Amino acid sequence: MAVVLDTLNNDPRKKADVRHPEKAHRPDQEILRKPDWIRVKAPGSPQWAATKAIVKEHGLVTVCEEAGCPNLGECWEKKHATFMIMGDTCTRACAFCNVKTGMPAPLDPLEPAHIADSVAKLGLSHVVITSVDRDDLKDGGAEHFAQVIRAIRERSPTTTIEILTPDFLRKPGALEVVVAARPDVFNHNLETVPSNYLTVRPGARYFHSIRLLQRVKELDPTIFTKSGIMVGLGEKRNEVLQLMDDLRSADVDFLTIGQYLQPTRKHHRVVSFVTPDEFKSYETIAMTKGFLLVSATPLTRSSHHAGEDFAKLQAARRARV
């Protein structure tokens, strides 16, 4: 019998690729067993494989993969993918997020063209573009967002564009650059209630995010605005209701609420699993507060069913007018 030693993987001189170095020394958190209502089909259909091949061919990054989205199989089967621009490494270290943290690489000047090419090949009628936080850039990546929007418009003029942006904190003029490119939907997620920010989203500021969304409407009232939160992070019900009021004060059109799912033992723990009935209650209350559209289910994510939801937004606006 021969014994083969894996000298590469066991070489102590080889530096490990730590995805979340800032979390490495945190104590492990218990991962709760998921309830029956959180179950998804494993990906593997031919349609899913075709979408994966296009993403790989162009060297693109998707938040579907990076964030470990539970809806990846369903969305990619329908040729829906949320593209993540400006690399796969984030300058922030939110306690809930599975995107890699560290010092990002320089921007790829060919990325806007690659994104536009993929959108055309997939034949997307609606596309969602998000990004990592790029606090290292003077404008937070605002001009790069604008270039991607313009490239898609040129290659696929009938495709509607939804963007999910960082907060551009301490980046004067950045928001104006993105809004001037005229996306159809401007999404910026609050992620959680303000009392959780120091532990869940320490690099952000709750009221700055509210003001960002409000400013989009001031600059261009025709753009739909959208924001989302996760529940199960220890928030109180009254805090969620107050958050709804804060978003409506900023004239936000669309609210998404989904269950937080813990990526690893080093991430923020799941404090509770919110029941489907509780989600339905949140949806009913939010609609009475004046949102054009609300999606509140355990598996709701920012870009889940984005194309269908955009059509609903348009119809709701027409009905209200």
Protein backbone atom coordinates (compact mmCIF):
# COMPACT_ATOMS: atom_id res chain seq x y z
CA MET A 1 0.00 0.00 0.00
CA ALA A 2 1.34 3.41 -0.94
CA VAL A 3 0.63 6.55 1.07
CA VAL A 4 0.51 9.82 -0.84
CA LEU A 5 1.08 12.95 1.21
CA ASP A 6 -0.78 16.10 0.18
CA THR A 7 2.22 18.36 0.66
CA LEU A 8 0.55 21.35 -0.99
CA ASN A 9 -2.47 21.48 1.26
CA ASN A 10 -0.49 20.64 4.38
CA ASP A 11 2.41 22.99 3.77
CA PRO A 12 2.53 25.28 6.84
CA ARG A 13 4.31 27.91 4.78
CA LYS A 14 1.26 28.32 2.54
CA LYS A 15 -0.87 31.25 3.67
CA ALA A 16 -4.53 30.32 4.10
CA ASP A 17 -7.06 32.30 2.14
CA VAL A 18 -9.16 33.60 5.01
CA ARG A 19 -12.44 34.96 3.70
CA HIS A 20 -13.25 36.96 6.85
CA PRO A 21 -10.01 37.76 8.70
CA GLU A 22 -11.80 40.18 11.02
CA LYS A 23 -14.04 37.36 12.25
CA ALA A 24 -11.40 34.63 12.58
CA HIS A 25 -10.85 35.07 16.33
CA ARG A 26 -14.48 35.53 17.28
CA PRO A 27 -16.05 32.77 19.36
CA ASP A 28 -18.20 30.33 17.41
CA GLN A 29 -21.92 31.02 17.44
CA GLU A 30 -24.48 28.25 17.55
CA ILE A 31 -26.21 27.67 14.21
CA LEU A 32 -29.88 26.95 14.82
CA ARG A 33 -31.69 24.26 12.87
CA LYS A 34 -33.80 25.80 10.12
CA PRO A 35 -37.56 25.39 10.44
CA ASP A 36 -39.60 23.49 7.86
CA TRP A 37 -40.70 26.66 6.06
CA ILE A 38 -37.12 27.46 5.00
CA ARG A 39 -36.36 24.83 2.40
CA VAL A 40 -34.99 25.35 -1.12
CA LYS A 41 -34.21 23.05 -4.03
CA ALA A 42 -30.53 22.39 -4.73
CA PRO A 43 -29.35 23.88 -8.06
CA GLY A 44 -28.41 21.66 -10.98
CA SER A 45 -30.81 22.08 -13.92
CA PRO A 46 -29.54 22.63 -17.51
CA GLN A 47 -30.83 26.21 -17.38
CA TRP A 48 -28.88 26.83 -14.17
CA ALA A 49 -25.76 25.39 -15.78
CA ALA A 50 -26.18 27.65 -18.83
CA THR A 51 -26.39 30.76 -16.65
CA LYS A 52 -23.35 29.64 -14.66
CA ALA A 53 -21.39 29.12 -17.89
CA ILE A 54 -22.10 32.67 -19.11
CA VAL A 55 -21.09 34.13 -15.74
CA LYS A 56 -17.86 32.10 -15.75
CA GLU A 57 -17.06 32.88 -19.39
CA HIS A 58 -16.99 36.61 -18.67
CA GLY A 59 -15.24 36.32 -15.31
CA LEU A 60 -18.18 37.99 -13.58
CA VAL A 61 -18.96 38.07 -9.87
CA THR A 62 -22.52 37.51 -8.68
CA VAL A 63 -23.89 38.34 -5.27
CA CYS A 64 -25.94 35.16 -5.65
CA GLU A 65 -22.75 33.13 -5.13
CA GLU A 66 -20.77 35.49 -2.93
CA ALA A 67 -23.54 36.00 -0.39
CA GLY A 68 -24.69 32.39 -0.48
CA CYS A 69 -28.24 33.30 -1.51
CA PRO A 70 -30.74 30.48 -0.86
CA ASN A 71 -32.63 31.38 -4.06
CA LEU A 72 -29.66 30.85 -6.41
CA GLY A 73 -31.04 27.66 -7.95
CA GLU A 74 -34.47 29.14 -8.66
CA CYS A 75 -33.15 32.42 -10.09
CA TRP A 76 -30.38 31.00 -12.26
CA GLU A 77 -32.79 28.45 -13.68
CA LYS A 78 -34.80 31.44 -14.95
CA LYS A 79 -31.59 33.15 -16.20
CA HIS A 80 -31.85 35.76 -13.44
CA ALA A 81 -28.54 36.75 -11.86
CA THR A 82 -27.55 39.73 -9.75
CA PHE A 83 -24.17 40.98 -10.92
CA MET A 84 -21.75 42.30 -8.31
CA ILE A 85 -19.37 44.89 -9.72
CA MET A 86 -16.04 46.31 -8.53
CA GLY A 87 -14.62 42.97 -7.43
CA ASP A 88 -15.41 40.34 -4.83
CA THR A 89 -13.72 41.98 -1.84
CA CYS A 90 -15.48 44.49 0.43
CA THR A 91 -13.80 47.18 2.51
CA ARG A 92 -16.34 46.76 5.30
CA ALA A 93 -16.97 43.89 7.69
CA CYS A 94 -20.68 43.65 8.45
CA ALA A 95 -21.48 40.91 10.97
CA PHE A 96 -24.16 39.30 8.77
CA CYS A 97 -22.47 39.32 5.37
CA ASN A 98 -20.67 36.45 3.65
CA VAL A 99 -18.88 38.58 1.03
CA LYS A 100 -15.09 38.47 1.40
CA THR A 101 -13.48 41.38 3.26
CA GLY A 102 -10.07 42.94 2.78
CA MET A 103 -8.24 45.31 0.42
CA PRO A 104 -9.88 45.18 -3.03
CA ALA A 105 -8.06 45.10 -6.36
CA PRO A 106 -8.14 48.08 -8.74
CA LEU A 107 -11.29 48.54 -10.81
CA ASP A 108 -11.50 46.64 -14.10
CA PRO A 109 -12.10 49.20 -16.88
CA LEU A 110 -13.53 46.43 -19.10
CA GLU A 111 -16.12 45.35 -16.55
CA PRO A 112 -18.97 47.59 -17.82
CA ALA A 113 -18.62 46.09 -21.30
CA HIS A 114 -18.47 42.54 -19.92
CA ILE A 115 -21.60 43.12 -17.84
CA ALA A 116 -23.45 44.59 -20.83
CA ASP A 117 -22.39 41.63 -22.99
CA SER A 118 -23.65 39.12 -20.42
CA VAL A 119 -26.98 40.94 -20.06
CA ALA A 120 -27.43 40.75 -23.83
CA LYS A 121 -26.47 37.06 -24.01
CA LEU A 122 -28.85 36.16 -21.20
CA GLY A 123 -31.58 38.18 -22.88
CA LEU A 124 -32.52 39.90 -19.64
CA SER A 125 -35.53 42.20 -19.66
CA HIS A 126 -34.61 43.39 -16.15
CA VAL A 127 -31.18 43.30 -14.54
CA VAL A 128 -29.96 43.94 -11.00
CA ILE A 129 -26.48 45.39 -10.43
CA THR A 130 -24.97 45.55 -6.95
CA SER A 131 -21.45 46.02 -5.59
CA VAL A 132 -19.14 45.59 -2.69
CA ASP A 133 -18.42 48.65 -0.55
CA ARG A 134 -15.42 50.49 -1.97
CA ASP A 135 -14.49 52.97 0.74
CA ASP A 136 -10.97 53.00 -0.76
CA LEU A 137 -12.21 54.89 -3.85
CA LYS A 138 -12.66 58.66 -3.83
CA ASP A 139 -16.23 58.40 -5.14
CA GLY A 140 -17.02 54.99 -3.62
CA GLY A 141 -17.35 53.58 -7.13
CA ALA A 142 -20.14 55.92 -8.23
CA GLU A 143 -18.70 56.60 -11.69
CA HIS A 144 -18.17 52.87 -12.23
CA PHE A 145 -21.84 52.27 -11.43
CA ALA A 146 -22.76 54.95 -13.96
CA GLN A 147 -20.52 53.39 -16.63
CA VAL A 148 -22.15 50.00 -16.13
CA ILE A 149 -25.64 51.52 -16.46
CA ARG A 150 -24.65 53.37 -19.64
CA ALA A 151 -23.04 50.26 -21.16
CA ILE A 152 -26.17 48.18 -20.56
CA ARG A 153 -28.37 50.93 -22.02
CA GLU A 154 -26.24 51.04 -25.17
CA ARG A 155 -26.15 47.26 -25.69
CA SER A 156 -29.68 46.41 -24.46
CA PRO A 157 -31.79 49.58 -24.68
CA THR A 158 -35.05 47.87 -23.66
CA THR A 159 -33.61 46.25 -20.52
CA THR A 160 -34.70 47.93 -17.30
CA ILE A 161 -31.96 48.43 -14.72
CA GLU A 162 -32.12 48.08 -10.96
CA ILE A 163 -29.12 48.97 -8.83
CA LEU A 164 -28.41 48.01 -5.22
CA THR A 165 -25.78 50.44 -3.98
CA PRO A 166 -23.57 51.04 -0.97
CA ASP A 167 -24.24 54.13 1.12
CA PHE A 168 -21.40 56.25 -0.38
CA LEU A 169 -20.67 57.45 3.15
CA ARG A 170 -18.38 60.49 3.18
CA LYS A 171 -18.27 60.61 -0.64
CA PRO A 172 -19.68 64.04 -1.57
CA GLY A 173 -21.30 64.15 -4.99
CA ALA A 174 -21.21 60.37 -5.51
CA LEU A 175 -24.95 59.82 -5.30
CA GLU A 176 -25.60 62.53 -7.87
CA VAL A 177 -23.33 60.76 -10.38
CA VAL A 178 -25.28 57.50 -10.05
CA VAL A 179 -28.72 59.11 -10.20
CA ALA A 180 -27.70 61.08 -13.31
CA ALA A 181 -27.21 57.74 -15.11
CA ARG A 182 -30.94 57.16 -14.52
CA PRO A 183 -31.42 53.61 -13.29
CA ASP A 184 -35.04 52.49 -13.22
CA VAL A 185 -34.87 51.32 -9.59
CA PHE A 186 -32.49 52.61 -6.92
CA ASN A 187 -32.17 50.16 -4.05
CA HIS A 188 -30.18 50.75 -0.89
CA ASN A 189 -30.76 48.36 2.00
CA LEU A 190 -31.04 49.44 5.63
CA GLU A 191 -30.43 45.77 6.54
CA THR A 192 -31.66 46.08 10.15
CA VAL A 193 -33.17 48.42 12.75
CA PRO A 194 -30.99 51.26 14.12
CA SER A 195 -30.43 49.66 17.55
CA ASN A 196 -28.54 46.82 15.82
CA TYR A 197 -26.18 48.97 13.75
CA LEU A 198 -23.20 48.92 16.11
CA THR A 199 -23.12 45.13 16.17
CA VAL A 200 -24.56 44.22 12.77
CA ARG A 201 -23.58 47.06 10.42
CA PRO A 202 -20.90 49.07 12.26
CA GLY A 203 -19.47 50.83 9.19
CA ALA A 204 -22.81 52.40 8.25
CA ARG A 205 -25.09 55.10 9.67
CA TYR A 206 -28.83 54.49 9.77
CA PHE A 207 -30.02 58.05 9.19
CA HIS A 208 -27.42 58.62 6.47
CA SER A 209 -28.99 55.68 4.61
CA ILE A 210 -32.48 57.11 5.09
CA ARG A 211 -31.29 60.49 3.78
CA LEU A 212 -29.59 58.81 0.79
CA LEU A 213 -32.90 57.27 -0.29
CA GLN A 214 -34.73 60.54 0.27
CA ARG A 215 -32.16 62.42 -1.83
CA VAL A 216 -32.67 60.07 -4.79
CA LYS A 217 -36.32 61.13 -4.94
CA GLU A 218 -35.36 64.80 -4.68
CA LEU A 219 -32.95 64.44 -7.60
CA ASP A 220 -35.26 62.37 -9.82
CA PRO A 221 -38.81 61.59 -8.63
CA THR A 222 -39.36 59.20 -11.56
CA ILE A 223 -36.85 56.65 -10.19
CA PHE A 224 -38.39 53.94 -8.03
CA THR A 225 -36.67 53.64 -4.63
CA LYS A 226 -36.38 50.46 -2.67
CA SER A 227 -34.90 49.22 0.61
CA GLY A 228 -34.76 45.97 2.51
CA ILE A 229 -34.12 44.53 5.94
CA MET A 230 -33.48 41.17 7.53
CA VAL A 231 -35.38 40.00 10.60
CA GLY A 232 -34.29 37.47 13.17
CA LEU A 233 -31.36 39.60 14.36
CA GLY A 234 -32.90 40.47 17.71
CA GLU A 235 -35.01 43.41 16.55
CA LYS A 236 -38.27 44.28 18.29
CA ARG A 237 -41.54 44.46 16.38
CA ASN A 238 -42.10 48.12 17.23
CA GLU A 239 -38.61 48.90 15.85
CA VAL A 240 -39.54 47.34 12.51
CA LEU A 241 -42.74 49.41 12.39
CA GLN A 242 -40.78 52.60 13.15
CA LEU A 243 -38.32 51.72 10.38
CA MET A 244 -41.25 51.48 7.98
CA ASP A 245 -42.30 55.00 8.98
CA ASP A 246 -38.75 56.28 8.48
CA LEU A 247 -38.66 54.85 4.96
CA ARG A 248 -42.04 56.30 4.10
CA SER A 249 -40.87 59.71 5.34
CA ALA A 250 -38.16 59.38 2.67
CA ASP A 251 -40.84 58.47 0.08
CA VAL A 252 -39.44 54.97 -0.50
CA ASP A 253 -41.65 52.93 -2.84
CA PHE A 254 -40.74 49.31 -2.18
CA LEU A 255 -39.84 47.45 1.02
CA THR A 256 -38.44 43.91 1.23
CA ILE A 257 -38.25 41.90 4.47
CA GLY A 258 -36.54 38.51 4.68
CA GLN A 259 -35.24 36.07 7.27
CA TYR A 260 -31.58 36.42 8.27
CA LEU A 261 -29.67 33.16 7.74
CA GLN A 262 -26.29 32.78 9.42
CA PRO A 263 -23.52 32.02 6.85
CA THR A 264 -20.95 30.57 9.30
CA ARG A 265 -20.36 30.10 13.03
CA LYS A 266 -18.28 33.29 13.02
CA HIS A 267 -21.15 35.46 11.82
CA HIS A 268 -23.89 37.10 13.85
CA ARG A 269 -26.18 34.46 15.29
CA VAL A 270 -29.80 33.96 14.30
CA VAL A 271 -31.73 35.18 17.33
CA SER A 272 -35.06 33.91 16.04
CA PHE A 273 -36.82 32.44 13.04
CA VAL A 274 -39.75 34.66 12.16
CA THR A 275 -42.86 32.70 11.19
CA PRO A 276 -44.66 33.09 7.84
CA ASP A 277 -47.66 34.54 9.69
CA GLU A 278 -45.46 37.26 11.21
CA PHE A 279 -44.09 38.08 7.77
CA LYS A 280 -47.62 38.38 6.42
CA SER A 281 -48.47 40.75 9.27
CA TYR A 282 -45.46 42.94 8.43
CA GLU A 283 -46.52 43.00 4.78
CA THR A 284 -50.09 44.03 5.62
CA ILE A 285 -48.97 46.82 7.97
CA ALA A 286 -46.38 48.13 5.51
CA MET A 287 -48.93 48.38 2.73
CA THR A 288 -51.24 50.42 4.96
CA LYS A 289 -48.35 52.84 5.54
CA GLY A 290 -48.27 53.71 1.84
CA PHE A 291 -45.58 51.63 0.12
CA LEU A 292 -46.32 50.86 -3.52
CA LEU A 293 -45.08 47.32 -3.03
CA VAL A 294 -43.99 45.08 -0.14
CA SER A 295 -42.37 41.65 -0.26
CA ALA A 296 -42.15 39.98 3.15
CA THR A 297 -41.45 36.23 3.33
CA PRO A 298 -38.74 34.12 4.95
CA LEU A 299 -36.90 33.70 1.63
CA THR A 300 -37.39 37.24 0.34
CA ARG A 301 -34.12 38.79 -0.84
CA SER A 302 -33.44 42.18 -2.41
CA SER A 303 -33.30 40.96 -6.01
CA HIS A 304 -35.57 37.91 -5.76
CA HIS A 305 -38.27 38.18 -8.47
CA ALA A 306 -36.93 41.65 -9.28
CA GLY A 307 -38.27 41.67 -12.83
CA GLU A 308 -41.78 40.67 -11.83
CA ASP A 309 -41.69 43.15 -8.96
CA PHE A 310 -40.67 45.98 -11.30
CA ALA A 311 -43.79 45.36 -13.38
CA LYS A 312 -45.87 45.43 -10.19
CA LEU A 313 -44.25 48.73 -9.18
CA GLN A 314 -45.15 50.29 -12.51
CA ALA A 315 -48.73 49.06 -12.24
CA ALA A 316 -49.06 50.31 -8.65
CA ARG A 317 -47.79 53.76 -9.62
CA ARG A 318 -50.22 53.98 -12.52
CA ALA A 319 -53.10 52.90 -10.27
CA ARG A 320 -52.22 55.46 -7.63
CA VAL A 321 -51.95 58.30 -10.14
